[in-house]
Amino acid sequence: MIRINLLPHRELKRKARQQQIAVLAGVTFILGLIIVGVVHIAIVAQIEHQNGRNDYMKGQIVILDKQIEEIKKIKVLTHTLLERKKVVEILQDDRVEVVHLLDQLVRLLPDGVYLRSIKQTDHDINLAGYAQSNSRVSVLMRNLESSPWLESPSLIEIKAATVNNTRLNEFNLHVKLTRLSENANDEILSAGIELPVEKKKD
């Protein structure tokens, strides 16, 4: 009977398997490193891309903040200009009202009535002066009532007075200035309406 020793063959086979396992482990390790490297590179690329987008957004936010500040300044400037415009319009309206007031007083003042002072507080007008008689003061009040620019005349006081050795009646009355619309104002001016002024001889 022939005897065969299989131990060397098994040992060689075991070493071959170990070499195969080592090669497979090495290949797996290398593939793992490659995969990790690729994933790392991809992640780094995404992070850099996102950082770039973040930097762009930060830059745009800074630009928007500057624009917002400019808009706020423009709004403040606009508000200031509008306030100035309102003041100018009020001054223009007041100037026109003063012109109308003086024009109306010249038209409405009857003979024998002399104004000593005219005081205006907003739309309230105070007239003080002298008249030759009480009836002339009544004529003045009726004339004021008929004016489209004046309304609600009311006599505050009337009393006898002596001016330059002449006996007169000193009066003090109150009347309101009416603010007409621009259309009504234009119609009055364009038509050249002459307001009736009643004159009465005592």
N, C-alpha and C. Protein backbone atom coordinates (compact mmCIF):
# COMPACT_ATOMS: atom_id res chain seq x y z
N MET A 1 0.86 -1.19 0.00
CA MET A 1 0.00 0.00 0.00
C MET A 1 0.89 1.23 0.00
N ILE A 2 0.51 2.17 -0.93
CA ILE A 2 1.33 3.36 -1.09
C ILE A 2 0.78 4.45 -0.17
N ARG A 3 1.64 5.06 0.59
CA ARG A 3 1.25 6.15 1.49
C ARG A 3 1.69 7.49 0.88
N ILE A 4 0.69 8.50 0.88
CA ILE A 4 0.97 9.83 0.32
C ILE A 4 0.79 10.87 1.43
N ASN A 5 1.79 11.69 1.57
CA ASN A 5 1.74 12.75 2.59
C ASN A 5 1.08 13.98 1.97
N LEU A 6 -0.12 14.35 2.46
CA LEU A 6 -0.88 15.50 1.93
C LEU A 6 -0.63 16.79 2.71
N LEU A 7 0.16 16.75 3.74
CA LEU A 7 0.37 17.97 4.56
C LEU A 7 0.99 19.09 3.76
N PRO A 8 2.02 18.88 2.97
CA PRO A 8 2.57 20.02 2.19
C PRO A 8 1.55 20.59 1.23
N HIS A 9 0.76 19.73 0.64
CA HIS A 9 -0.25 20.23 -0.30
C HIS A 9 -1.28 21.09 0.41
N ARG A 10 -1.73 20.68 1.56
CA ARG A 10 -2.70 21.46 2.34
C ARG A 10 -2.09 22.78 2.79
N GLU A 11 -0.82 22.70 3.18
CA GLU A 11 -0.15 23.92 3.62
C GLU A 11 -0.05 24.90 2.47
N LEU A 12 0.28 24.43 1.30
CA LEU A 12 0.36 25.31 0.13
C LEU A 12 -1.00 25.89 -0.23
N LYS A 13 -2.03 25.01 -0.10
CA LYS A 13 -3.37 25.49 -0.41
C LYS A 13 -3.83 26.55 0.58
N ARG A 14 -3.47 26.33 1.87
CA ARG A 14 -3.82 27.32 2.90
C ARG A 14 -3.10 28.63 2.65
N LYS A 15 -1.82 28.56 2.27
CA LYS A 15 -1.08 29.78 1.98
C LYS A 15 -1.65 30.51 0.76
N ALA A 16 -2.08 29.72 -0.20
CA ALA A 16 -2.69 30.34 -1.39
C ALA A 16 -3.98 31.06 -1.02
N ARG A 17 -4.77 30.45 -0.18
CA ARG A 17 -6.00 31.10 0.27
C ARG A 17 -5.71 32.38 1.07
N GLN A 18 -4.71 32.28 1.93
CA GLN A 18 -4.33 33.47 2.71
C GLN A 18 -3.88 34.60 1.79
N GLN A 19 -3.12 34.22 0.73
CA GLN A 19 -2.67 35.24 -0.22
C GLN A 19 -3.88 35.85 -0.95
N GLN A 20 -4.82 34.98 -1.33
CA GLN A 20 -6.03 35.50 -2.00
C GLN A 20 -6.80 36.45 -1.08
N ILE A 21 -6.91 36.04 0.21
CA ILE A 21 -7.62 36.89 1.17
C ILE A 21 -6.89 38.21 1.35
N ALA A 22 -5.54 38.14 1.41
CA ALA A 22 -4.75 39.35 1.57
C ALA A 22 -4.92 40.26 0.36
N VAL A 23 -4.89 39.61 -0.85
CA VAL A 23 -5.07 40.42 -2.07
C VAL A 23 -6.46 41.06 -2.09
N LEU A 24 -7.48 40.26 -1.75
CA LEU A 24 -8.84 40.79 -1.72
C LEU A 24 -8.97 41.91 -0.69
N ALA A 25 -8.34 41.71 0.48
CA ALA A 25 -8.39 42.75 1.51
C ALA A 25 -7.72 44.02 1.02
N GLY A 26 -6.55 43.83 0.35
CA GLY A 26 -5.85 45.01 -0.18
C GLY A 26 -6.67 45.73 -1.23
N VAL A 27 -7.26 44.94 -2.15
CA VAL A 27 -8.11 45.55 -3.19
C VAL A 27 -9.30 46.27 -2.57
N THR A 28 -9.91 45.57 -1.57
CA THR A 28 -11.07 46.19 -0.89
C THR A 28 -10.65 47.47 -0.19
N PHE A 29 -9.47 47.43 0.47
CA PHE A 29 -8.99 48.62 1.17
C PHE A 29 -8.73 49.76 0.19
N ILE A 30 -8.11 49.41 -0.95
CA ILE A 30 -7.83 50.45 -1.96
C ILE A 30 -9.12 51.01 -2.54
N LEU A 31 -10.09 50.10 -2.83
CA LEU A 31 -11.37 50.57 -3.33
C LEU A 31 -12.09 51.45 -2.31
N GLY A 32 -11.96 51.02 -1.03
CA GLY A 32 -12.57 51.83 0.04
C GLY A 32 -11.95 53.22 0.09
N LEU A 33 -10.60 53.26 -0.02
CA LEU A 33 -9.91 54.57 -0.01
C LEU A 33 -10.35 55.42 -1.20
N ILE A 34 -10.46 54.75 -2.36
CA ILE A 34 -10.88 55.50 -3.54
C ILE A 34 -12.29 56.07 -3.35
N ILE A 35 -13.20 55.21 -2.85
CA ILE A 35 -14.58 55.65 -2.62
C ILE A 35 -14.63 56.79 -1.61
N VAL A 36 -13.90 56.61 -0.49
CA VAL A 36 -13.86 57.67 0.53
C VAL A 36 -13.29 58.95 -0.06
N GLY A 37 -12.23 58.84 -0.87
CA GLY A 37 -11.64 60.03 -1.48
C GLY A 37 -12.60 60.74 -2.41
N VAL A 38 -13.31 59.92 -3.25
CA VAL A 38 -14.28 60.52 -4.17
C VAL A 38 -15.40 61.21 -3.41
N VAL A 39 -15.91 60.52 -2.37
CA VAL A 39 -16.99 61.12 -1.56
C VAL A 39 -16.50 62.39 -0.87
N HIS A 40 -15.27 62.33 -0.35
CA HIS A 40 -14.71 63.50 0.32
C HIS A 40 -14.57 64.67 -0.65
N ILE A 41 -14.05 64.35 -1.85
CA ILE A 41 -13.91 65.40 -2.86
C ILE A 41 -15.27 65.99 -3.23
N ALA A 42 -16.27 65.14 -3.38
CA ALA A 42 -17.61 65.61 -3.73
C ALA A 42 -18.18 66.50 -2.62
N ILE A 43 -17.99 66.04 -1.37
CA ILE A 43 -18.50 66.82 -0.24
C ILE A 43 -17.79 68.17 -0.15
N VAL A 44 -16.47 68.14 -0.32
CA VAL A 44 -15.71 69.40 -0.28
C VAL A 44 -16.16 70.34 -1.39
N ALA A 45 -16.40 69.76 -2.58
CA ALA A 45 -16.87 70.59 -3.69
C ALA A 45 -18.22 71.21 -3.38
N GLN A 46 -19.13 70.43 -2.80
CA GLN A 46 -20.45 70.96 -2.43
C GLN A 46 -20.33 72.05 -1.36
N ILE A 47 -19.44 71.79 -0.38
CA ILE A 47 -19.25 72.79 0.67
C ILE A 47 -18.70 74.10 0.09
N GLU A 48 -17.71 73.98 -0.81
CA GLU A 48 -17.17 75.18 -1.43
C GLU A 48 -18.23 75.90 -2.27
N HIS A 49 -19.05 75.12 -2.97
CA HIS A 49 -20.12 75.73 -3.76
C HIS A 49 -21.11 76.46 -2.87
N GLN A 50 -21.47 75.82 -1.74
CA GLN A 50 -22.41 76.45 -0.81
C GLN A 50 -21.79 77.67 -0.16
N ASN A 51 -20.50 77.58 0.18
CA ASN A 51 -19.82 78.76 0.74
C ASN A 51 -19.80 79.91 -0.27
N GLY A 52 -19.60 79.57 -1.53
CA GLY A 52 -19.65 80.60 -2.56
C GLY A 52 -21.01 81.25 -2.64
N ARG A 53 -22.05 80.42 -2.58
CA ARG A 53 -23.41 80.96 -2.59
C ARG A 53 -23.67 81.82 -1.36
N ASN A 54 -23.17 81.35 -0.20
CA ASN A 54 -23.34 82.13 1.03
C ASN A 54 -22.63 83.48 0.92
N ASP A 55 -21.41 83.47 0.38
CA ASP A 55 -20.68 84.73 0.21
C ASP A 55 -21.42 85.66 -0.75
N TYR A 56 -21.99 85.08 -1.81
CA TYR A 56 -22.76 85.90 -2.76
C TYR A 56 -23.98 86.51 -2.08
N MET A 57 -24.67 85.69 -1.27
CA MET A 57 -25.84 86.19 -0.56
C MET A 57 -25.47 87.28 0.43
N LYS A 58 -24.34 87.08 1.12
CA LYS A 58 -23.88 88.11 2.06
C LYS A 58 -23.60 89.42 1.32
N GLY A 59 -22.95 89.31 0.17
CA GLY A 59 -22.68 90.51 -0.62
C GLY A 59 -23.97 91.19 -1.07
N GLN A 60 -24.95 90.39 -1.50
CA GLN A 60 -26.22 90.96 -1.92
C GLN A 60 -26.96 91.59 -0.74
N ILE A 61 -26.86 90.96 0.44
CA ILE A 61 -27.50 91.52 1.63
C ILE A 61 -26.89 92.87 1.98
N VAL A 62 -25.57 92.98 1.88
CA VAL A 62 -24.90 94.27 2.14
C VAL A 62 -25.39 95.32 1.15
N ILE A 63 -25.51 94.94 -0.13
CA ILE A 63 -26.01 95.88 -1.14
C ILE A 63 -27.44 96.30 -0.83
N LEU A 64 -28.29 95.31 -0.44
CA LEU A 64 -29.67 95.62 -0.11
C LEU A 64 -29.76 96.52 1.11
N ASP A 65 -28.90 96.27 2.11
CA ASP A 65 -28.90 97.13 3.30
C ASP A 65 -28.56 98.58 2.92
N LYS A 66 -27.60 98.75 2.03
CA LYS A 66 -27.26 100.11 1.57
C LYS A 66 -28.43 100.73 0.83
N GLN A 67 -29.09 99.94 -0.02
CA GLN A 67 -30.24 100.46 -0.76
C GLN A 67 -31.38 100.81 0.18
N ILE A 68 -31.58 99.98 1.22
CA ILE A 68 -32.62 100.28 2.20
C ILE A 68 -32.32 101.58 2.93
N GLU A 69 -31.05 101.80 3.30
CA GLU A 69 -30.67 103.05 3.95
C GLU A 69 -30.91 104.23 3.02
N GLU A 70 -30.59 104.06 1.73
CA GLU A 70 -30.82 105.13 0.77
C GLU A 70 -32.31 105.41 0.62
N ILE A 71 -33.11 104.33 0.60
CA ILE A 71 -34.56 104.50 0.50
C ILE A 71 -35.10 105.24 1.72
N LYS A 72 -34.59 104.89 2.92
CA LYS A 72 -35.02 105.59 4.13
C LYS A 72 -34.67 107.07 4.05
N LYS A 73 -33.45 107.37 3.57
CA LYS A 73 -33.05 108.77 3.43
C LYS A 73 -33.94 109.49 2.43
N ILE A 74 -34.26 108.79 1.32
CA ILE A 74 -35.13 109.40 0.31
C ILE A 74 -36.52 109.65 0.89
N LYS A 75 -37.03 108.69 1.70
CA LYS A 75 -38.34 108.88 2.32
C LYS A 75 -38.33 110.07 3.27
N VAL A 76 -37.26 110.18 4.06
CA VAL A 76 -37.16 111.33 4.98
C VAL A 76 -37.09 112.63 4.19
N LEU A 77 -36.29 112.63 3.12
CA LEU A 77 -36.18 113.83 2.29
C LEU A 77 -37.52 114.16 1.63
N THR A 78 -38.20 113.12 1.15
CA THR A 78 -39.52 113.34 0.53
C THR A 78 -40.50 113.91 1.54
N HIS A 79 -40.50 113.35 2.76
CA HIS A 79 -41.39 113.86 3.80
C HIS A 79 -41.07 115.32 4.12
N THR A 80 -39.77 115.64 4.20
CA THR A 80 -39.37 117.02 4.47
C THR A 80 -39.82 117.95 3.35
N LEU A 81 -39.64 117.51 2.10
CA LEU A 81 -40.05 118.34 0.97
C LEU A 81 -41.57 118.52 0.95
N LEU A 82 -42.31 117.47 1.28
CA LEU A 82 -43.77 117.59 1.33
C LEU A 82 -44.20 118.56 2.42
N GLU A 83 -43.53 118.50 3.58
CA GLU A 83 -43.85 119.45 4.65
C GLU A 83 -43.56 120.87 4.20
N ARG A 84 -42.42 121.06 3.54
CA ARG A 84 -42.11 122.40 3.03
C ARG A 84 -43.13 122.85 2.00
N LYS A 85 -43.54 121.91 1.14
CA LYS A 85 -44.54 122.24 0.13
C LYS A 85 -45.84 122.67 0.79
N LYS A 86 -46.25 121.95 1.86
CA LYS A 86 -47.46 122.33 2.57
C LYS A 86 -47.34 123.73 3.16
N VAL A 87 -46.16 124.01 3.75
CA VAL A 87 -45.95 125.33 4.34
C VAL A 87 -46.04 126.41 3.27
N VAL A 88 -45.41 126.15 2.11
CA VAL A 88 -45.45 127.13 1.01
C VAL A 88 -46.88 127.32 0.53
N GLU A 89 -47.64 126.21 0.41
CA GLU A 89 -49.03 126.33 -0.03
C GLU A 89 -49.86 127.12 0.97
N ILE A 90 -49.62 126.87 2.27
CA ILE A 90 -50.35 127.62 3.29
C ILE A 90 -50.02 129.10 3.20
N LEU A 91 -48.72 129.40 3.03
CA LEU A 91 -48.31 130.80 2.91
C LEU A 91 -48.93 131.44 1.67
N GLN A 92 -48.96 130.70 0.56
CA GLN A 92 -49.58 131.24 -0.64
C GLN A 92 -51.07 131.48 -0.44
N ASP A 93 -51.74 130.51 0.21
CA ASP A 93 -53.17 130.69 0.48
C ASP A 93 -53.40 131.89 1.38
N ASP A 94 -52.56 132.02 2.41
CA ASP A 94 -52.71 133.16 3.32
C ASP A 94 -52.48 134.47 2.58
N ARG A 95 -51.51 134.47 1.68
CA ARG A 95 -51.24 135.70 0.93
C ARG A 95 -52.43 136.06 0.06
N VAL A 96 -53.01 135.04 -0.59
CA VAL A 96 -54.20 135.29 -1.41
C VAL A 96 -55.35 135.77 -0.55
N GLU A 97 -55.51 135.17 0.62
CA GLU A 97 -56.60 135.57 1.51
C GLU A 97 -56.43 137.01 1.97
N VAL A 98 -55.20 137.41 2.26
CA VAL A 98 -54.96 138.79 2.68
C VAL A 98 -55.34 139.75 1.56
N VAL A 99 -54.96 139.38 0.32
CA VAL A 99 -55.30 140.24 -0.83
C VAL A 99 -56.81 140.36 -0.97
N HIS A 100 -57.51 139.22 -0.87
CA HIS A 100 -58.97 139.25 -0.97
C HIS A 100 -59.58 140.06 0.19
N LEU A 101 -59.02 139.89 1.37
CA LEU A 101 -59.55 140.61 2.53
C LEU A 101 -59.44 142.12 2.32
N LEU A 102 -58.25 142.58 1.92
CA LEU A 102 -58.06 144.02 1.71
C LEU A 102 -58.94 144.52 0.56
N ASP A 103 -59.04 143.70 -0.50
CA ASP A 103 -59.88 144.09 -1.64
C ASP A 103 -61.34 144.21 -1.21
N GLN A 104 -61.81 143.25 -0.42
CA GLN A 104 -63.19 143.28 0.03
C GLN A 104 -63.46 144.47 0.97
N LEU A 105 -62.52 144.76 1.84
CA LEU A 105 -62.72 145.88 2.76
C LEU A 105 -62.79 147.20 1.99
N VAL A 106 -61.94 147.33 0.95
CA VAL A 106 -62.00 148.55 0.14
C VAL A 106 -63.36 148.65 -0.56
N ARG A 107 -63.85 147.53 -1.05
CA ARG A 107 -65.13 147.54 -1.76
C ARG A 107 -66.31 147.74 -0.83
N LEU A 108 -66.22 147.15 0.36
CA LEU A 108 -67.39 147.09 1.24
C LEU A 108 -67.47 148.24 2.23
N LEU A 109 -66.42 148.99 2.37
CA LEU A 109 -66.41 150.06 3.37
C LEU A 109 -67.27 151.24 2.88
N PRO A 110 -68.36 151.53 3.57
CA PRO A 110 -69.22 152.64 3.13
C PRO A 110 -68.62 154.00 3.48
N ASP A 111 -69.19 155.04 2.90
CA ASP A 111 -68.75 156.40 3.23
C ASP A 111 -69.03 156.69 4.69
N GLY A 112 -68.14 157.45 5.27
CA GLY A 112 -68.32 157.83 6.67
C GLY A 112 -67.84 156.78 7.66
N VAL A 113 -67.18 155.74 7.20
CA VAL A 113 -66.62 154.70 8.07
C VAL A 113 -65.12 154.64 7.83
N TYR A 114 -64.35 154.67 8.91
CA TYR A 114 -62.89 154.67 8.82
C TYR A 114 -62.35 153.56 9.73
N LEU A 115 -61.49 152.73 9.19
CA LEU A 115 -60.90 151.64 9.97
C LEU A 115 -59.64 152.12 10.68
N ARG A 116 -59.56 151.75 11.95
CA ARG A 116 -58.39 152.11 12.75
C ARG A 116 -57.40 150.96 12.83
N SER A 117 -57.89 149.73 12.84
CA SER A 117 -57.01 148.56 12.91
C SER A 117 -57.71 147.35 12.34
N ILE A 118 -56.90 146.44 11.78
CA ILE A 118 -57.38 145.15 11.26
C ILE A 118 -56.48 144.07 11.85
N LYS A 119 -57.06 143.15 12.56
CA LYS A 119 -56.29 142.06 13.17
C LYS A 119 -56.86 140.73 12.69
N GLN A 120 -55.96 139.84 12.25
CA GLN A 120 -56.38 138.53 11.77
C GLN A 120 -55.72 137.43 12.59
N THR A 121 -56.55 136.53 13.09
CA THR A 121 -56.08 135.34 13.79
C THR A 121 -56.70 134.13 13.10
N ASP A 122 -55.86 133.44 12.31
CA ASP A 122 -56.37 132.36 11.48
C ASP A 122 -57.44 132.92 10.54
N HIS A 123 -58.71 132.49 10.69
CA HIS A 123 -59.78 133.01 9.83
C HIS A 123 -60.64 134.04 10.56
N ASP A 124 -60.27 134.40 11.75
CA ASP A 124 -61.04 135.39 12.51
C ASP A 124 -60.45 136.77 12.28
N ILE A 125 -61.30 137.70 11.86
CA ILE A 125 -60.89 139.07 11.56
C ILE A 125 -61.55 140.01 12.57
N ASN A 126 -60.75 140.87 13.14
CA ASN A 126 -61.28 141.90 14.05
C ASN A 126 -61.07 143.26 13.41
N LEU A 127 -62.16 144.00 13.26
CA LEU A 127 -62.12 145.33 12.66
C LEU A 127 -62.48 146.37 13.72
N ALA A 128 -61.67 147.38 13.83
CA ALA A 128 -61.93 148.48 14.77
C ALA A 128 -61.78 149.79 14.01
N GLY A 129 -62.69 150.71 14.27
CA GLY A 129 -62.61 151.99 13.57
C GLY A 129 -63.66 152.96 14.06
N TYR A 130 -63.93 153.96 13.24
CA TYR A 130 -64.87 155.02 13.60
C TYR A 130 -65.90 155.16 12.49
N ALA A 131 -67.11 155.52 12.88
CA ALA A 131 -68.20 155.76 11.95
C ALA A 131 -68.92 157.03 12.33
N GLN A 132 -69.48 157.69 11.34
CA GLN A 132 -70.18 158.94 11.61
C GLN A 132 -71.50 158.70 12.32
N SER A 133 -72.05 157.49 12.16
CA SER A 133 -73.31 157.17 12.82
C SER A 133 -73.44 155.66 12.98
N ASN A 134 -74.40 155.24 13.80
CA ASN A 134 -74.64 153.81 13.99
C ASN A 134 -75.16 153.15 12.72
N SER A 135 -75.92 153.89 11.94
CA SER A 135 -76.48 153.31 10.72
C SER A 135 -75.38 152.95 9.73
N ARG A 136 -74.30 153.70 9.71
CA ARG A 136 -73.20 153.38 8.81
C ARG A 136 -72.51 152.08 9.23
N VAL A 137 -72.45 151.85 10.53
CA VAL A 137 -71.91 150.56 11.01
C VAL A 137 -72.82 149.42 10.57
N SER A 138 -74.13 149.64 10.61
CA SER A 138 -75.07 148.61 10.15
C SER A 138 -74.89 148.33 8.67
N VAL A 139 -74.68 149.41 7.88
CA VAL A 139 -74.42 149.24 6.45
C VAL A 139 -73.16 148.40 6.23
N LEU A 140 -72.11 148.70 6.99
CA LEU A 140 -70.87 147.94 6.87
C LEU A 140 -71.10 146.47 7.17
N MET A 141 -71.89 146.16 8.19
CA MET A 141 -72.13 144.76 8.55
C MET A 141 -72.94 144.05 7.48
N ARG A 142 -73.90 144.75 6.88
CA ARG A 142 -74.67 144.13 5.79
C ARG A 142 -73.78 143.87 4.57
N ASN A 143 -72.89 144.82 4.30
CA ASN A 143 -71.97 144.62 3.18
C ASN A 143 -71.04 143.43 3.42
N LEU A 144 -70.56 143.31 4.65
CA LEU A 144 -69.71 142.17 4.99
C LEU A 144 -70.46 140.86 4.84
N GLU A 145 -71.74 140.86 5.22
CA GLU A 145 -72.55 139.65 5.12
C GLU A 145 -72.76 139.24 3.66
N SER A 146 -72.79 140.23 2.73
CA SER A 146 -73.03 139.93 1.32
C SER A 146 -71.77 139.48 0.59
N SER A 147 -70.60 139.56 1.22
CA SER A 147 -69.37 139.20 0.56
C SER A 147 -69.19 137.68 0.51
N PRO A 148 -68.72 137.14 -0.63
CA PRO A 148 -68.44 135.70 -0.68
C PRO A 148 -67.18 135.31 0.09
N TRP A 149 -66.37 136.29 0.49
CA TRP A 149 -65.13 136.02 1.21
C TRP A 149 -65.26 136.23 2.72
N LEU A 150 -66.35 136.81 3.15
CA LEU A 150 -66.53 137.11 4.57
C LEU A 150 -67.88 136.60 5.02
N GLU A 151 -67.98 136.26 6.29
CA GLU A 151 -69.24 135.74 6.81
C GLU A 151 -69.34 135.99 8.31
N SER A 152 -70.55 135.90 8.79
CA SER A 152 -70.87 135.99 10.22
C SER A 152 -70.31 137.24 10.89
N PRO A 153 -70.62 138.42 10.36
CA PRO A 153 -70.17 139.63 11.08
C PRO A 153 -70.96 139.81 12.37
N SER A 154 -70.27 140.18 13.41
CA SER A 154 -70.93 140.40 14.70
C SER A 154 -70.31 141.62 15.36
N LEU A 155 -71.17 142.50 15.86
CA LEU A 155 -70.72 143.72 16.52
C LEU A 155 -70.35 143.42 17.97
N ILE A 156 -69.14 143.74 18.31
CA ILE A 156 -68.67 143.51 19.68
C ILE A 156 -68.97 144.71 20.57
N GLU A 157 -68.69 145.90 20.05
CA GLU A 157 -68.86 147.10 20.87
C GLU A 157 -69.00 148.31 19.96
N ILE A 158 -69.82 149.24 20.37
CA ILE A 158 -69.91 150.53 19.71
C ILE A 158 -70.17 151.59 20.80
N LYS A 159 -69.43 152.66 20.73
CA LYS A 159 -69.55 153.69 21.76
C LYS A 159 -69.19 155.04 21.16
N ALA A 160 -69.67 156.09 21.83
CA ALA A 160 -69.38 157.44 21.36
C ALA A 160 -67.94 157.80 21.67
N ALA A 161 -67.34 158.55 20.74
CA ALA A 161 -65.95 158.98 20.91
C ALA A 161 -65.77 160.32 20.23
N THR A 162 -64.76 161.05 20.68
CA THR A 162 -64.45 162.35 20.09
C THR A 162 -63.04 162.28 19.50
N VAL A 163 -62.97 162.55 18.20
CA VAL A 163 -61.69 162.51 17.50
C VAL A 163 -61.50 163.84 16.78
N ASN A 164 -60.44 164.55 17.16
CA ASN A 164 -60.16 165.86 16.55
C ASN A 164 -61.38 166.78 16.65
N ASN A 165 -61.95 166.81 17.85
CA ASN A 165 -63.12 167.65 18.14
C ASN A 165 -64.33 167.28 17.29
N THR A 166 -64.33 166.05 16.78
CA THR A 166 -65.48 165.57 16.00
C THR A 166 -66.09 164.39 16.73
N ARG A 167 -67.41 164.47 16.90
CA ARG A 167 -68.10 163.39 17.61
C ARG A 167 -68.35 162.24 16.64
N LEU A 168 -67.80 161.08 16.96
CA LEU A 168 -67.94 159.89 16.14
C LEU A 168 -68.37 158.70 16.99
N ASN A 169 -68.66 157.60 16.33
CA ASN A 169 -68.98 156.34 17.01
C ASN A 169 -67.83 155.37 16.80
N GLU A 170 -67.21 154.98 17.89
CA GLU A 170 -66.11 154.00 17.81
C GLU A 170 -66.70 152.59 17.87
N PHE A 171 -66.35 151.77 16.91
CA PHE A 171 -66.92 150.42 16.86
C PHE A 171 -65.82 149.37 16.84
N ASN A 172 -66.20 148.18 17.22
CA ASN A 172 -65.31 147.01 17.20
C ASN A 172 -66.18 145.81 16.81
N LEU A 173 -65.87 145.20 15.68
CA LEU A 173 -66.69 144.08 15.22
C LEU A 173 -65.81 142.92 14.78
N HIS A 174 -66.46 141.76 14.71
CA HIS A 174 -65.76 140.52 14.37
C HIS A 174 -66.40 139.91 13.14
N VAL A 175 -65.56 139.37 12.23
CA VAL A 175 -66.05 138.71 11.03
C VAL A 175 -65.11 137.56 10.69
N LYS A 176 -65.65 136.55 10.01
CA LYS A 176 -64.84 135.38 9.64
C LYS A 176 -64.49 135.44 8.16
N LEU A 177 -63.26 135.00 7.85
CA LEU A 177 -62.80 134.93 6.47
C LEU A 177 -63.13 133.55 5.94
N THR A 178 -63.84 133.50 4.81
CA THR A 178 -64.26 132.23 4.22
C THR A 178 -63.25 131.82 3.17
N ARG A 179 -62.82 130.57 3.22
CA ARG A 179 -61.89 130.04 2.22
C ARG A 179 -62.69 129.34 1.14
N LEU A 180 -62.76 129.98 -0.02
CA LEU A 180 -63.50 129.41 -1.14
C LEU A 180 -62.66 128.37 -1.86
N SER A 181 -63.32 127.54 -2.64
CA SER A 181 -62.58 126.59 -3.47
C SER A 181 -61.91 127.33 -4.60
N GLU A 182 -60.92 126.69 -5.23
CA GLU A 182 -60.19 127.32 -6.32
C GLU A 182 -61.12 127.62 -7.50
N ASN A 183 -62.08 126.74 -7.78
CA ASN A 183 -62.99 126.97 -8.89
C ASN A 183 -63.85 128.19 -8.65
N ALA A 184 -64.39 128.30 -7.43
CA ALA A 184 -65.21 129.46 -7.11
C ALA A 184 -64.39 130.73 -7.16
N ASN A 185 -63.15 130.64 -6.69
CA ASN A 185 -62.26 131.80 -6.72
C ASN A 185 -62.02 132.23 -8.16
N ASP A 186 -61.72 131.27 -9.05
CA ASP A 186 -61.48 131.60 -10.45
C ASP A 186 -62.71 132.20 -11.10
N GLU A 187 -63.89 131.66 -10.75
CA GLU A 187 -65.11 132.20 -11.34
C GLU A 187 -65.34 133.65 -10.93
N ILE A 188 -65.08 133.95 -9.65
CA ILE A 188 -65.28 135.32 -9.16
C ILE A 188 -64.31 136.27 -9.84
N LEU A 189 -63.03 135.84 -9.94
CA LEU A 189 -62.02 136.71 -10.53
C LEU A 189 -62.24 136.88 -12.03
N SER A 190 -62.58 135.78 -12.73
CA SER A 190 -62.75 135.86 -14.18
C SER A 190 -64.00 136.66 -14.54
N ALA A 191 -65.04 136.56 -13.71
CA ALA A 191 -66.27 137.28 -14.00
C ALA A 191 -66.17 138.74 -13.62
N GLY A 192 -65.22 139.07 -12.78
CA GLY A 192 -65.09 140.46 -12.35
C GLY A 192 -66.31 140.94 -11.60
N ILE A 193 -66.83 140.12 -10.70
CA ILE A 193 -68.07 140.45 -10.00
C ILE A 193 -67.83 141.64 -9.09
N GLU A 194 -68.70 142.61 -9.19
CA GLU A 194 -68.67 143.77 -8.31
C GLU A 194 -69.66 143.50 -7.19
N LEU A 195 -69.17 143.41 -5.98
CA LEU A 195 -70.03 143.16 -4.85
C LEU A 195 -70.81 144.42 -4.51
N PRO A 196 -72.07 144.30 -4.16
CA PRO A 196 -72.87 145.49 -3.87
C PRO A 196 -72.41 146.13 -2.59
N VAL A 197 -72.22 147.42 -2.62
CA VAL A 197 -71.85 148.19 -1.45
C VAL A 197 -72.93 149.23 -1.22
N GLU A 198 -73.62 149.02 -0.16
CA GLU A 198 -74.74 149.91 0.13
C GLU A 198 -74.20 151.17 0.82
N LYS A 199 -74.54 152.30 0.29
CA LYS A 199 -74.14 153.59 0.87
C LYS A 199 -75.37 154.37 1.24
N LYS A 200 -75.33 154.90 2.39
CA LYS A 200 -76.50 155.59 2.90
C LYS A 200 -76.08 156.90 3.51
N LYS A 201 -76.71 157.92 3.14
CA LYS A 201 -76.44 159.23 3.72
C LYS A 201 -77.34 159.48 4.88
N ASP A 202 -76.72 159.95 5.96
CA ASP A 202 -77.53 160.27 7.12
C ASP A 202 -78.20 161.64 6.94
